[in-house]
């Protein structure tokens, strides 16, 4: 009978260890979810058919939607139509195992366009089959707008510089003309004075 009691004790210990593992796993998962939700970047996960399976709160905010509204939506529903061919190439790259970083316009639920930088990586199952991709998304719209303002300002400054150089050249020409006029008049004065001398 002592073997039977040992067996029950082992079962009890085994159950406790399993319960602790399950609890630790659950706590780990909850901690991971809290971390993902606190990120400043969007997290966008799609399946092998390019359907959205997960977005964090930040990604949903960028797209002016709720996470629930985005689940099941195709990437082509979210990416600006003018970039569909480019994104199809990126999807092929992902299925081939390539990770990439690129900029692409997205269309929000309120039909606004934002520019996003996406760092995308493929996901594969243990058998090497493509299961989708994982993207870290940063809204770079403000940065792009500021870069455009800087380019515009630089062009304006270049135009102003050309205008100032043209004015400077005109002033140099006017100064040269005035110098000739003054010199000619001075010569005429000295010449007429010399003619008047006996």
N, C-alpha and C. Protein backbone atom coordinates (compact mmCIF):
# COMPACT_ATOMS: atom_id res chain seq x y z
N UNK A 1 0.81 -1.20 0.00
CA UNK A 1 0.00 0.00 0.00
C UNK A 1 0.86 1.26 0.00
N UNK A 2 2.07 1.17 0.46
CA UNK A 2 2.90 2.38 0.49
C UNK A 2 3.16 2.88 -0.93
N UNK A 3 3.23 2.01 -1.91
CA UNK A 3 3.42 2.42 -3.30
C UNK A 3 2.22 3.19 -3.82
N UNK A 4 1.02 2.78 -3.39
CA UNK A 4 -0.21 3.45 -3.80
C UNK A 4 -0.25 4.88 -3.26
N UNK A 5 0.16 5.05 -2.02
CA UNK A 5 0.18 6.38 -1.39
C UNK A 5 1.20 7.28 -2.07
N UNK A 6 2.37 6.71 -2.42
CA UNK A 6 3.39 7.49 -3.12
C UNK A 6 2.86 7.95 -4.48
N UNK A 7 2.12 7.09 -5.13
CA UNK A 7 1.56 7.39 -6.45
C UNK A 7 0.56 8.56 -6.34
N UNK A 8 -0.29 8.55 -5.31
CA UNK A 8 -1.23 9.65 -5.10
C UNK A 8 -0.49 10.95 -4.79
N UNK A 9 0.56 10.84 -4.01
CA UNK A 9 1.36 12.03 -3.67
C UNK A 9 2.01 12.60 -4.94
N UNK A 10 2.54 11.74 -5.79
CA UNK A 10 3.13 12.18 -7.05
C UNK A 10 2.09 12.86 -7.93
N UNK A 11 0.89 12.30 -7.97
CA UNK A 11 -0.19 12.92 -8.75
C UNK A 11 -0.52 14.30 -8.22
N UNK A 12 -0.58 14.42 -6.88
CA UNK A 12 -0.87 15.72 -6.27
C UNK A 12 0.23 16.73 -6.60
N UNK A 13 1.49 16.31 -6.50
CA UNK A 13 2.62 17.19 -6.82
C UNK A 13 2.57 17.57 -8.30
N UNK A 14 2.30 16.58 -9.15
CA UNK A 14 2.21 16.83 -10.58
C UNK A 14 1.11 17.82 -10.92
N UNK A 15 -0.04 17.67 -10.26
CA UNK A 15 -1.16 18.59 -10.48
C UNK A 15 -0.78 20.01 -10.06
N UNK A 16 -0.14 20.12 -8.90
CA UNK A 16 0.29 21.44 -8.42
C UNK A 16 1.27 22.09 -9.39
N UNK A 17 2.21 21.30 -9.90
CA UNK A 17 3.20 21.83 -10.84
C UNK A 17 2.51 22.28 -12.14
N UNK A 18 1.57 21.47 -12.62
CA UNK A 18 0.83 21.85 -13.83
C UNK A 18 0.05 23.14 -13.59
N UNK A 19 -0.60 23.24 -12.43
CA UNK A 19 -1.37 24.44 -12.11
C UNK A 19 -0.45 25.66 -12.03
N UNK A 20 0.73 25.49 -11.43
CA UNK A 20 1.70 26.59 -11.36
C UNK A 20 2.17 26.98 -12.76
N UNK A 21 2.42 25.99 -13.61
CA UNK A 21 2.86 26.27 -14.99
C UNK A 21 1.78 27.02 -15.75
N UNK A 22 0.53 26.58 -15.59
CA UNK A 22 -0.59 27.24 -16.26
C UNK A 22 -0.73 28.67 -15.76
N UNK A 23 -0.63 28.85 -14.42
CA UNK A 23 -0.72 30.19 -13.84
C UNK A 23 0.43 31.07 -14.36
N UNK A 24 1.65 30.53 -14.35
CA UNK A 24 2.81 31.30 -14.83
C UNK A 24 2.65 31.65 -16.31
N UNK A 25 2.14 30.69 -17.07
CA UNK A 25 1.92 30.93 -18.50
C UNK A 25 0.88 32.02 -18.70
N UNK A 26 -0.20 31.97 -17.95
CA UNK A 26 -1.26 32.97 -18.04
C UNK A 26 -0.72 34.35 -17.65
N UNK A 27 0.07 34.40 -16.56
CA UNK A 27 0.65 35.66 -16.13
C UNK A 27 1.60 36.21 -17.18
N UNK A 28 2.39 35.33 -17.78
CA UNK A 28 3.32 35.73 -18.84
C UNK A 28 2.57 36.31 -20.03
N UNK A 29 1.49 35.63 -20.40
CA UNK A 29 0.69 36.09 -21.53
C UNK A 29 0.07 37.45 -21.23
N UNK A 30 -0.44 37.63 -20.01
CA UNK A 30 -1.05 38.91 -19.62
C UNK A 30 0.00 40.02 -19.61
N UNK A 31 1.20 39.70 -19.12
CA UNK A 31 2.27 40.68 -19.10
C UNK A 31 2.66 41.07 -20.52
N UNK A 32 2.74 40.09 -21.40
CA UNK A 32 3.06 40.34 -22.81
C UNK A 32 1.99 41.24 -23.44
N UNK A 33 0.71 40.94 -23.16
CA UNK A 33 -0.38 41.75 -23.72
C UNK A 33 -0.32 43.19 -23.20
N UNK A 34 0.00 43.37 -21.92
CA UNK A 34 0.13 44.72 -21.36
C UNK A 34 1.26 45.47 -22.07
N UNK A 35 2.36 44.79 -22.29
CA UNK A 35 3.51 45.39 -22.96
C UNK A 35 3.14 45.81 -24.38
N UNK A 36 2.48 44.93 -25.14
CA UNK A 36 2.08 45.22 -26.52
C UNK A 36 1.13 46.41 -26.56
N UNK A 37 0.24 46.50 -25.60
CA UNK A 37 -0.73 47.60 -25.57
C UNK A 37 -0.10 48.94 -25.20
N UNK A 38 1.04 48.91 -24.49
CA UNK A 38 1.68 50.16 -24.06
C UNK A 38 2.66 50.71 -25.09
N UNK A 39 2.93 49.96 -26.15
CA UNK A 39 3.88 50.41 -27.16
C UNK A 39 3.39 51.68 -27.86
N UNK A 40 4.33 52.52 -28.27
CA UNK A 40 3.99 53.70 -29.07
C UNK A 40 3.80 53.32 -30.54
N UNK A 41 4.27 52.15 -30.92
CA UNK A 41 4.12 51.67 -32.29
C UNK A 41 2.91 50.78 -32.40
N UNK A 42 2.39 50.71 -33.61
CA UNK A 42 1.29 49.80 -33.87
C UNK A 42 1.82 48.40 -34.12
N UNK A 43 1.06 47.42 -33.72
CA UNK A 43 1.37 46.02 -34.02
C UNK A 43 0.25 45.53 -34.93
N UNK A 44 0.64 44.96 -36.06
CA UNK A 44 -0.34 44.50 -37.06
C UNK A 44 0.06 43.09 -37.46
N UNK A 45 -0.80 42.12 -37.16
CA UNK A 45 -0.53 40.72 -37.51
C UNK A 45 -1.58 40.27 -38.52
N UNK A 46 -1.10 39.66 -39.60
CA UNK A 46 -2.01 39.14 -40.62
C UNK A 46 -1.73 37.65 -40.84
N UNK A 47 -2.76 36.96 -41.34
CA UNK A 47 -2.59 35.52 -41.61
C UNK A 47 -2.06 35.30 -43.02
N UNK A 48 -2.00 34.05 -43.45
CA UNK A 48 -1.45 33.71 -44.77
C UNK A 48 -2.28 34.29 -45.92
N UNK A 49 -3.52 34.65 -45.66
CA UNK A 49 -4.38 35.26 -46.68
C UNK A 49 -4.38 36.78 -46.59
N UNK A 50 -3.47 37.31 -45.78
CA UNK A 50 -3.33 38.76 -45.57
C UNK A 50 -4.56 39.38 -44.91
N UNK A 51 -5.25 38.60 -44.09
CA UNK A 51 -6.37 39.11 -43.30
C UNK A 51 -5.84 39.45 -41.91
N UNK A 52 -6.29 40.56 -41.38
CA UNK A 52 -5.85 41.02 -40.07
C UNK A 52 -6.37 40.08 -38.98
N UNK A 53 -5.43 39.58 -38.16
CA UNK A 53 -5.81 38.72 -37.04
C UNK A 53 -5.61 39.40 -35.69
N UNK A 54 -4.76 40.46 -35.68
CA UNK A 54 -4.53 41.17 -34.43
C UNK A 54 -4.00 42.56 -34.74
N UNK A 55 -4.47 43.54 -33.99
CA UNK A 55 -3.87 44.88 -33.95
C UNK A 55 -3.90 45.33 -32.50
N UNK A 56 -2.87 46.04 -32.09
CA UNK A 56 -2.91 46.59 -30.73
C UNK A 56 -3.67 47.92 -30.76
N UNK A 57 -3.88 48.50 -29.60
CA UNK A 57 -4.65 49.73 -29.49
C UNK A 57 -4.02 50.85 -30.30
N UNK A 58 -2.70 50.98 -30.27
CA UNK A 58 -2.02 52.05 -31.02
C UNK A 58 -2.27 51.93 -32.51
N UNK A 59 -2.24 50.72 -33.04
CA UNK A 59 -2.50 50.52 -34.47
C UNK A 59 -3.93 50.93 -34.80
N UNK A 60 -4.86 50.54 -33.96
CA UNK A 60 -6.26 50.90 -34.17
C UNK A 60 -6.43 52.43 -34.11
N UNK A 61 -5.74 53.08 -33.18
CA UNK A 61 -5.81 54.54 -33.08
C UNK A 61 -5.30 55.19 -34.36
N UNK A 62 -4.20 54.68 -34.89
CA UNK A 62 -3.65 55.23 -36.13
C UNK A 62 -4.67 55.16 -37.26
N UNK A 63 -5.43 54.05 -37.28
CA UNK A 63 -6.41 53.84 -38.35
C UNK A 63 -7.79 54.37 -37.98
N UNK A 64 -7.88 55.08 -36.87
CA UNK A 64 -9.12 55.70 -36.41
C UNK A 64 -10.27 54.68 -36.36
N UNK A 65 -9.96 53.54 -35.77
CA UNK A 65 -10.94 52.45 -35.66
C UNK A 65 -10.72 51.74 -34.34
N UNK A 66 -11.57 50.78 -34.06
CA UNK A 66 -11.35 49.93 -32.88
C UNK A 66 -10.65 48.67 -33.35
N UNK A 67 -9.93 48.00 -32.47
CA UNK A 67 -9.28 46.75 -32.88
C UNK A 67 -10.29 45.76 -33.47
N UNK A 68 -11.48 45.70 -32.89
CA UNK A 68 -12.50 44.75 -33.36
C UNK A 68 -12.91 45.05 -34.80
N UNK A 69 -12.95 46.35 -35.16
CA UNK A 69 -13.33 46.73 -36.52
C UNK A 69 -12.29 46.29 -37.55
N UNK A 70 -11.05 46.11 -37.12
CA UNK A 70 -9.98 45.78 -38.06
C UNK A 70 -9.77 44.29 -38.23
N UNK A 71 -10.17 43.50 -37.25
CA UNK A 71 -9.98 42.05 -37.33
C UNK A 71 -10.76 41.51 -38.53
N UNK A 72 -10.07 40.71 -39.33
CA UNK A 72 -10.68 40.10 -40.51
C UNK A 72 -10.56 40.92 -41.77
N UNK A 73 -10.13 42.18 -41.64
CA UNK A 73 -9.99 43.03 -42.83
C UNK A 73 -8.71 42.70 -43.58
N UNK A 74 -8.79 42.76 -44.88
CA UNK A 74 -7.64 42.51 -45.75
C UNK A 74 -6.68 43.69 -45.67
N UNK A 75 -5.40 43.42 -45.87
CA UNK A 75 -4.42 44.50 -45.92
C UNK A 75 -4.76 45.47 -47.05
N UNK A 76 -5.33 44.94 -48.15
CA UNK A 76 -5.67 45.79 -49.29
C UNK A 76 -6.81 46.75 -48.97
N UNK A 77 -7.60 46.45 -47.93
CA UNK A 77 -8.66 47.37 -47.49
C UNK A 77 -8.07 48.57 -46.74
N UNK A 78 -6.87 48.39 -46.22
CA UNK A 78 -6.26 49.41 -45.35
C UNK A 78 -5.18 50.20 -46.08
N UNK A 79 -4.51 49.55 -47.02
CA UNK A 79 -3.43 50.20 -47.77
C UNK A 79 -4.02 50.99 -48.93
N UNK A 80 -3.50 52.18 -49.15
CA UNK A 80 -4.01 53.04 -50.22
C UNK A 80 -3.96 52.30 -51.57
N UNK A 81 -5.03 52.38 -52.36
CA UNK A 81 -5.11 51.64 -53.63
C UNK A 81 -3.94 51.88 -54.59
N UNK A 82 -3.36 53.05 -54.56
CA UNK A 82 -2.24 53.33 -55.46
C UNK A 82 -1.00 52.49 -55.14
N UNK A 83 -1.00 51.83 -53.98
CA UNK A 83 0.14 51.02 -53.57
C UNK A 83 -0.16 49.52 -53.55
N UNK A 84 -1.29 49.12 -54.10
CA UNK A 84 -1.66 47.70 -54.05
C UNK A 84 -0.64 46.81 -54.77
N UNK A 85 -0.14 47.24 -55.92
CA UNK A 85 0.86 46.42 -56.63
C UNK A 85 2.14 46.29 -55.81
N UNK A 86 2.55 47.39 -55.21
CA UNK A 86 3.76 47.36 -54.38
C UNK A 86 3.57 46.41 -53.21
N UNK A 87 2.40 46.48 -52.56
CA UNK A 87 2.18 45.63 -51.38
C UNK A 87 2.08 44.17 -51.78
N UNK A 88 1.56 43.89 -52.97
CA UNK A 88 1.53 42.49 -53.44
C UNK A 88 2.95 41.94 -53.56
N UNK A 89 3.87 42.78 -54.03
CA UNK A 89 5.29 42.37 -54.11
C UNK A 89 5.85 42.13 -52.71
N UNK A 90 5.51 43.02 -51.79
CA UNK A 90 5.99 42.87 -50.41
C UNK A 90 5.45 41.57 -49.81
N UNK A 91 4.20 41.23 -50.12
CA UNK A 91 3.61 39.98 -49.60
C UNK A 91 4.36 38.77 -50.15
N UNK A 92 4.71 38.82 -51.43
CA UNK A 92 5.50 37.72 -52.03
C UNK A 92 6.84 37.59 -51.30
N UNK A 93 7.46 38.73 -51.03
CA UNK A 93 8.74 38.72 -50.30
C UNK A 93 8.59 38.07 -48.93
N UNK A 94 7.49 38.41 -48.26
CA UNK A 94 7.26 37.85 -46.94
C UNK A 94 7.12 36.34 -47.02
N UNK A 95 6.35 35.86 -48.01
CA UNK A 95 6.14 34.41 -48.17
C UNK A 95 7.45 33.70 -48.50
N UNK A 96 8.40 34.47 -49.07
CA UNK A 96 9.72 33.91 -49.37
C UNK A 96 10.66 33.97 -48.16
N UNK A 97 10.18 34.55 -47.07
CA UNK A 97 10.97 34.60 -45.85
C UNK A 97 11.70 35.90 -45.62
N UNK A 98 11.45 36.91 -46.45
CA UNK A 98 12.16 38.19 -46.29
C UNK A 98 11.46 39.12 -45.31
N UNK A 99 12.25 39.74 -44.47
CA UNK A 99 11.76 40.82 -43.61
C UNK A 99 12.15 42.12 -44.28
N UNK A 100 11.29 43.12 -44.17
CA UNK A 100 11.55 44.40 -44.84
C UNK A 100 11.05 45.56 -44.00
N UNK A 101 11.57 46.74 -44.35
CA UNK A 101 11.09 47.99 -43.78
C UNK A 101 10.77 48.90 -44.97
N UNK A 102 9.58 49.48 -44.94
CA UNK A 102 9.18 50.34 -46.05
C UNK A 102 8.13 51.34 -45.58
N UNK A 103 7.95 52.37 -46.40
CA UNK A 103 6.94 53.39 -46.12
C UNK A 103 5.78 53.18 -47.07
N UNK A 104 4.57 53.35 -46.55
CA UNK A 104 3.39 53.10 -47.37
C UNK A 104 2.21 53.91 -46.83
N UNK A 105 1.36 54.42 -47.72
CA UNK A 105 0.19 55.16 -47.25
C UNK A 105 -0.94 54.21 -46.84
N UNK A 106 -1.56 54.52 -45.72
CA UNK A 106 -2.71 53.75 -45.23
C UNK A 106 -3.93 54.66 -45.23
N UNK A 107 -5.10 54.05 -45.36
CA UNK A 107 -6.35 54.80 -45.34
C UNK A 107 -7.08 54.48 -44.04
N UNK A 108 -7.40 55.52 -43.28
CA UNK A 108 -8.05 55.32 -41.98
C UNK A 108 -9.55 55.06 -42.18
N UNK A 109 -10.20 54.68 -41.10
CA UNK A 109 -11.65 54.43 -41.13
C UNK A 109 -12.41 55.71 -41.47
N UNK A 110 -11.80 56.87 -41.20
CA UNK A 110 -12.43 58.16 -41.53
C UNK A 110 -11.98 58.66 -42.90
N UNK A 111 -11.39 57.75 -43.67
CA UNK A 111 -10.96 58.01 -45.05
C UNK A 111 -9.86 59.06 -45.15
N UNK A 112 -9.07 59.19 -44.09
CA UNK A 112 -7.89 60.06 -44.12
C UNK A 112 -6.70 59.20 -44.53
N UNK A 113 -5.73 59.83 -45.18
CA UNK A 113 -4.52 59.10 -45.54
C UNK A 113 -3.41 59.43 -44.56
N UNK A 114 -2.73 58.40 -44.07
CA UNK A 114 -1.55 58.60 -43.23
C UNK A 114 -0.38 57.87 -43.90
N UNK A 115 0.82 58.29 -43.57
CA UNK A 115 2.00 57.61 -44.08
C UNK A 115 2.57 56.80 -42.92
N UNK A 116 2.81 55.52 -43.19
CA UNK A 116 3.32 54.63 -42.14
C UNK A 116 4.63 54.00 -42.58
N UNK A 117 5.50 53.81 -41.60
CA UNK A 117 6.70 53.02 -41.82
C UNK A 117 6.42 51.66 -41.20
N UNK A 118 6.57 50.62 -42.00
CA UNK A 118 6.26 49.27 -41.54
C UNK A 118 7.52 48.43 -41.55
N UNK A 119 7.79 47.77 -40.44
CA UNK A 119 8.85 46.76 -40.36
C UNK A 119 8.12 45.43 -40.28
N UNK A 120 8.16 44.69 -41.39
CA UNK A 120 7.37 43.46 -41.49
C UNK A 120 8.28 42.24 -41.51
N UNK A 121 7.85 41.21 -40.81
CA UNK A 121 8.58 39.94 -40.76
C UNK A 121 7.60 38.79 -40.98
N UNK A 122 8.06 37.75 -41.68
CA UNK A 122 7.17 36.61 -41.92
C UNK A 122 7.05 35.72 -40.70
N UNK A 123 5.96 34.95 -40.66
CA UNK A 123 5.76 33.93 -39.61
C UNK A 123 5.59 32.59 -40.30
N UNK A 124 6.20 31.57 -39.72
CA UNK A 124 6.11 30.22 -40.26
C UNK A 124 5.75 29.26 -39.14
N UNK A 125 5.04 28.19 -39.48
CA UNK A 125 4.73 27.18 -38.47
C UNK A 125 5.93 26.25 -38.31
N UNK A 126 5.89 25.30 -37.37
CA UNK A 126 7.04 24.42 -37.15
C UNK A 126 7.42 23.59 -38.38
N UNK A 127 6.51 23.49 -39.36
CA UNK A 127 6.80 22.71 -40.56
C UNK A 127 7.31 23.58 -41.70
N UNK A 128 7.52 24.87 -41.42
CA UNK A 128 8.06 25.77 -42.41
C UNK A 128 7.02 26.37 -43.35
N UNK A 129 5.75 26.20 -43.03
CA UNK A 129 4.69 26.77 -43.87
C UNK A 129 4.42 28.20 -43.44
N UNK A 130 4.25 29.06 -44.42
CA UNK A 130 3.96 30.47 -44.17
C UNK A 130 2.61 30.59 -43.49
N UNK A 131 2.56 31.31 -42.37
CA UNK A 131 1.30 31.48 -41.64
C UNK A 131 0.86 32.94 -41.59
N UNK A 132 1.66 33.84 -42.13
CA UNK A 132 1.31 35.25 -42.12
C UNK A 132 2.52 36.11 -41.82
N UNK A 133 2.24 37.33 -41.38
CA UNK A 133 3.36 38.21 -41.04
C UNK A 133 3.00 39.11 -39.86
N UNK A 134 4.05 39.64 -39.31
CA UNK A 134 3.99 40.46 -38.11
C UNK A 134 4.60 41.81 -38.48
N UNK A 135 3.88 42.90 -38.25
CA UNK A 135 4.41 44.21 -38.58
C UNK A 135 4.42 45.15 -37.41
N UNK A 136 5.49 45.92 -37.31
CA UNK A 136 5.57 47.02 -36.35
C UNK A 136 5.39 48.28 -37.19
N UNK A 137 4.39 49.06 -36.84
CA UNK A 137 3.96 50.18 -37.68
C UNK A 137 4.13 51.50 -36.92
N UNK A 138 4.76 52.47 -37.58
CA UNK A 138 4.95 53.80 -37.00
C UNK A 138 4.30 54.82 -37.92
N UNK A 139 3.47 55.68 -37.36
CA UNK A 139 2.85 56.75 -38.12
C UNK A 139 3.90 57.84 -38.31
N UNK A 140 4.31 58.05 -39.56
CA UNK A 140 5.34 59.06 -39.86
C UNK A 140 4.74 60.23 -40.65
N UNK A 141 3.43 60.38 -40.59
CA UNK A 141 2.75 61.44 -41.34
C UNK A 141 3.31 62.82 -40.98
N UNK A 142 3.40 63.12 -39.69
CA UNK A 142 3.90 64.44 -39.26
C UNK A 142 5.33 64.65 -39.73
N UNK A 143 6.16 63.61 -39.61
CA UNK A 143 7.55 63.72 -40.06
C UNK A 143 7.60 64.03 -41.56
N UNK A 144 6.77 63.34 -42.34
CA UNK A 144 6.73 63.57 -43.79
C UNK A 144 6.24 64.97 -44.10
N UNK A 145 5.24 65.43 -43.36
CA UNK A 145 4.74 66.79 -43.56
C UNK A 145 5.83 67.81 -43.24
N UNK A 146 6.57 67.59 -42.16
CA UNK A 146 7.66 68.50 -41.78
C UNK A 146 8.78 68.47 -42.82
N UNK A 147 9.10 67.28 -43.32
CA UNK A 147 10.12 67.17 -44.37
C UNK A 147 9.68 67.95 -45.61
N UNK A 148 8.40 67.85 -45.95
CA UNK A 148 7.87 68.59 -47.10
C UNK A 148 7.96 70.09 -46.86
N UNK A 149 7.63 70.53 -45.64
CA UNK A 149 7.73 71.96 -45.31
C UNK A 149 9.18 72.44 -45.43
N UNK A 150 10.11 71.62 -44.97
CA UNK A 150 11.53 71.98 -45.05
C UNK A 150 11.97 72.08 -46.51
N UNK A 151 11.53 71.10 -47.35
CA UNK A 151 11.88 71.15 -48.78
C UNK A 151 11.29 72.41 -49.42
N UNK A 152 10.05 72.73 -49.08
CA UNK A 152 9.39 73.91 -49.62
C UNK A 152 10.13 75.18 -49.17
N UNK A 153 10.49 75.23 -47.90
CA UNK A 153 11.23 76.37 -47.36
C UNK A 153 12.58 76.51 -48.07
N UNK A 154 13.25 75.39 -48.29
CA UNK A 154 14.55 75.41 -48.97
C UNK A 154 14.40 75.93 -50.41
N UNK A 155 13.32 75.51 -51.09
CA UNK A 155 13.07 76.01 -52.45
C UNK A 155 12.78 77.50 -52.43
N UNK A 156 11.98 77.95 -51.44
CA UNK A 156 11.69 79.38 -51.32
C UNK A 156 12.97 80.17 -51.06
N UNK A 157 13.82 79.64 -50.20
CA UNK A 157 15.08 80.32 -49.88
C UNK A 157 15.97 80.37 -51.13
N UNK A 158 15.97 79.29 -51.90
CA UNK A 158 16.76 79.26 -53.13
C UNK A 158 16.25 80.32 -54.12
N UNK A 159 14.92 80.46 -54.24
CA UNK A 159 14.33 81.48 -55.10
C UNK A 159 14.69 82.88 -54.61
N UNK A 160 14.60 83.09 -53.31
CA UNK A 160 14.95 84.40 -52.73
C UNK A 160 16.42 84.73 -52.98
N UNK A 161 17.26 83.70 -52.82
CA UNK A 161 18.69 83.90 -53.06
C UNK A 161 18.93 84.30 -54.50
N UNK A 162 18.25 83.65 -55.45
CA UNK A 162 18.39 84.00 -56.87
C UNK A 162 17.91 85.44 -57.11
N UNK A 163 16.78 85.80 -56.48
CA UNK A 163 16.26 87.16 -56.63
C UNK A 163 17.26 88.18 -56.08
N UNK A 164 17.83 87.89 -54.91
CA UNK A 164 18.81 88.81 -54.31
C UNK A 164 20.07 88.90 -55.16
N UNK A 165 20.50 87.78 -55.73
CA UNK A 165 21.67 87.80 -56.60
C UNK A 165 21.39 88.64 -57.84
N UNK A 166 20.16 88.54 -58.38
CA UNK A 166 19.80 89.35 -59.55
C UNK A 166 19.80 90.84 -59.19
N UNK A 167 19.24 91.18 -58.01
CA UNK A 167 19.24 92.58 -57.56
C UNK A 167 20.68 93.05 -57.36
N UNK A 168 21.52 92.21 -56.76
CA UNK A 168 22.93 92.56 -56.55
C UNK A 168 23.61 92.84 -57.88
N UNK A 169 23.37 91.96 -58.87
CA UNK A 169 23.97 92.15 -60.19
C UNK A 169 23.50 93.45 -60.83
N UNK A 170 22.21 93.77 -60.66
CA UNK A 170 21.68 95.03 -61.19
C UNK A 170 22.33 96.22 -60.49
N UNK A 171 22.49 96.10 -59.16
CA UNK A 171 23.14 97.19 -58.42
C UNK A 171 24.59 97.38 -58.86
N UNK A 172 25.30 96.27 -59.09
CA UNK A 172 26.67 96.37 -59.59
C UNK A 172 26.68 97.08 -60.94
N UNK A 173 25.73 96.75 -61.82
CA UNK A 173 25.65 97.38 -63.14
C UNK A 173 25.33 98.87 -63.02
N UNK A 174 24.36 99.19 -62.14
CA UNK A 174 24.01 100.60 -61.92
C UNK A 174 25.21 101.35 -61.37
N UNK A 175 25.93 100.75 -60.42
CA UNK A 175 27.12 101.37 -59.84
C UNK A 175 28.19 101.60 -60.91
N UNK A 176 28.38 100.60 -61.77
CA UNK A 176 29.37 100.74 -62.85
C UNK A 176 28.95 101.86 -63.80
N UNK A 177 27.65 101.90 -64.14
CA UNK A 177 27.16 102.97 -65.03
C UNK A 177 27.35 104.34 -64.39
N UNK A 178 27.03 104.45 -63.08
CA UNK A 178 27.20 105.73 -62.38
C UNK A 178 28.68 106.13 -62.34
N UNK A 179 29.56 105.15 -62.11
CA UNK A 179 31.00 105.44 -62.11
C UNK A 179 31.42 106.02 -63.47
N UNK A 180 30.94 105.44 -64.57
CA UNK A 180 31.28 105.94 -65.90
C UNK A 180 30.74 107.35 -66.12
N UNK A 181 29.49 107.56 -65.68
CA UNK A 181 28.89 108.89 -65.83
C UNK A 181 29.69 109.92 -65.04
N UNK A 182 30.01 109.62 -63.80
CA UNK A 182 30.78 110.54 -62.94
C UNK A 182 32.15 110.77 -63.56
N UNK A 183 32.78 109.73 -64.04
CA UNK A 183 34.11 109.86 -64.61
C UNK A 183 34.06 110.71 -65.89
N UNK A 184 33.04 110.48 -66.72
CA UNK A 184 32.89 111.26 -67.95
C UNK A 184 32.66 112.72 -67.63
N UNK A 185 31.82 113.00 -66.69
CA UNK A 185 31.51 114.39 -66.31
C UNK A 185 32.75 115.07 -65.70
N UNK A 186 33.46 114.28 -64.89
CA UNK A 186 34.66 114.84 -64.28
C UNK A 186 35.67 115.20 -65.37
N UNK A 187 35.82 114.31 -66.34
CA UNK A 187 36.75 114.57 -67.44
C UNK A 187 36.31 115.80 -68.22
N UNK A 188 35.01 115.93 -68.46
CA UNK A 188 34.47 117.08 -69.19
C UNK A 188 34.73 118.37 -68.41
N UNK A 189 34.58 118.31 -67.11
CA UNK A 189 34.82 119.49 -66.29
C UNK A 189 36.29 119.91 -66.36
N UNK A 190 37.20 118.95 -66.23
CA UNK A 190 38.63 119.26 -66.29
C UNK A 190 39.01 119.74 -67.68
N UNK A 191 38.38 119.16 -68.67
CA UNK A 191 38.70 119.55 -70.06
C UNK A 191 38.20 120.96 -70.31
N UNK A 192 37.00 121.29 -69.87
CA UNK A 192 36.47 122.63 -70.09
C UNK A 192 37.24 123.66 -69.27
N UNK A 193 37.72 123.27 -68.06
CA UNK A 193 38.54 124.16 -67.25
C UNK A 193 39.87 124.43 -67.93
N UNK A 194 40.42 123.42 -68.57
CA UNK A 194 41.72 123.54 -69.24
C UNK A 194 41.56 124.44 -70.46
N UNK A 195 40.44 124.38 -71.14
CA UNK A 195 40.19 125.20 -72.31
C UNK A 195 40.02 126.68 -71.92
N UNK A 196 39.52 126.91 -70.73
CA UNK A 196 39.28 128.26 -70.25
C UNK A 196 40.59 128.94 -69.79
N UNK A 197 41.63 128.19 -69.50
CA UNK A 197 42.87 128.73 -69.01
C UNK A 197 43.60 129.44 -70.19
N UNK A 198 44.21 130.68 -69.94
CA UNK A 198 44.91 131.40 -71.01
C UNK A 198 46.25 130.85 -71.30
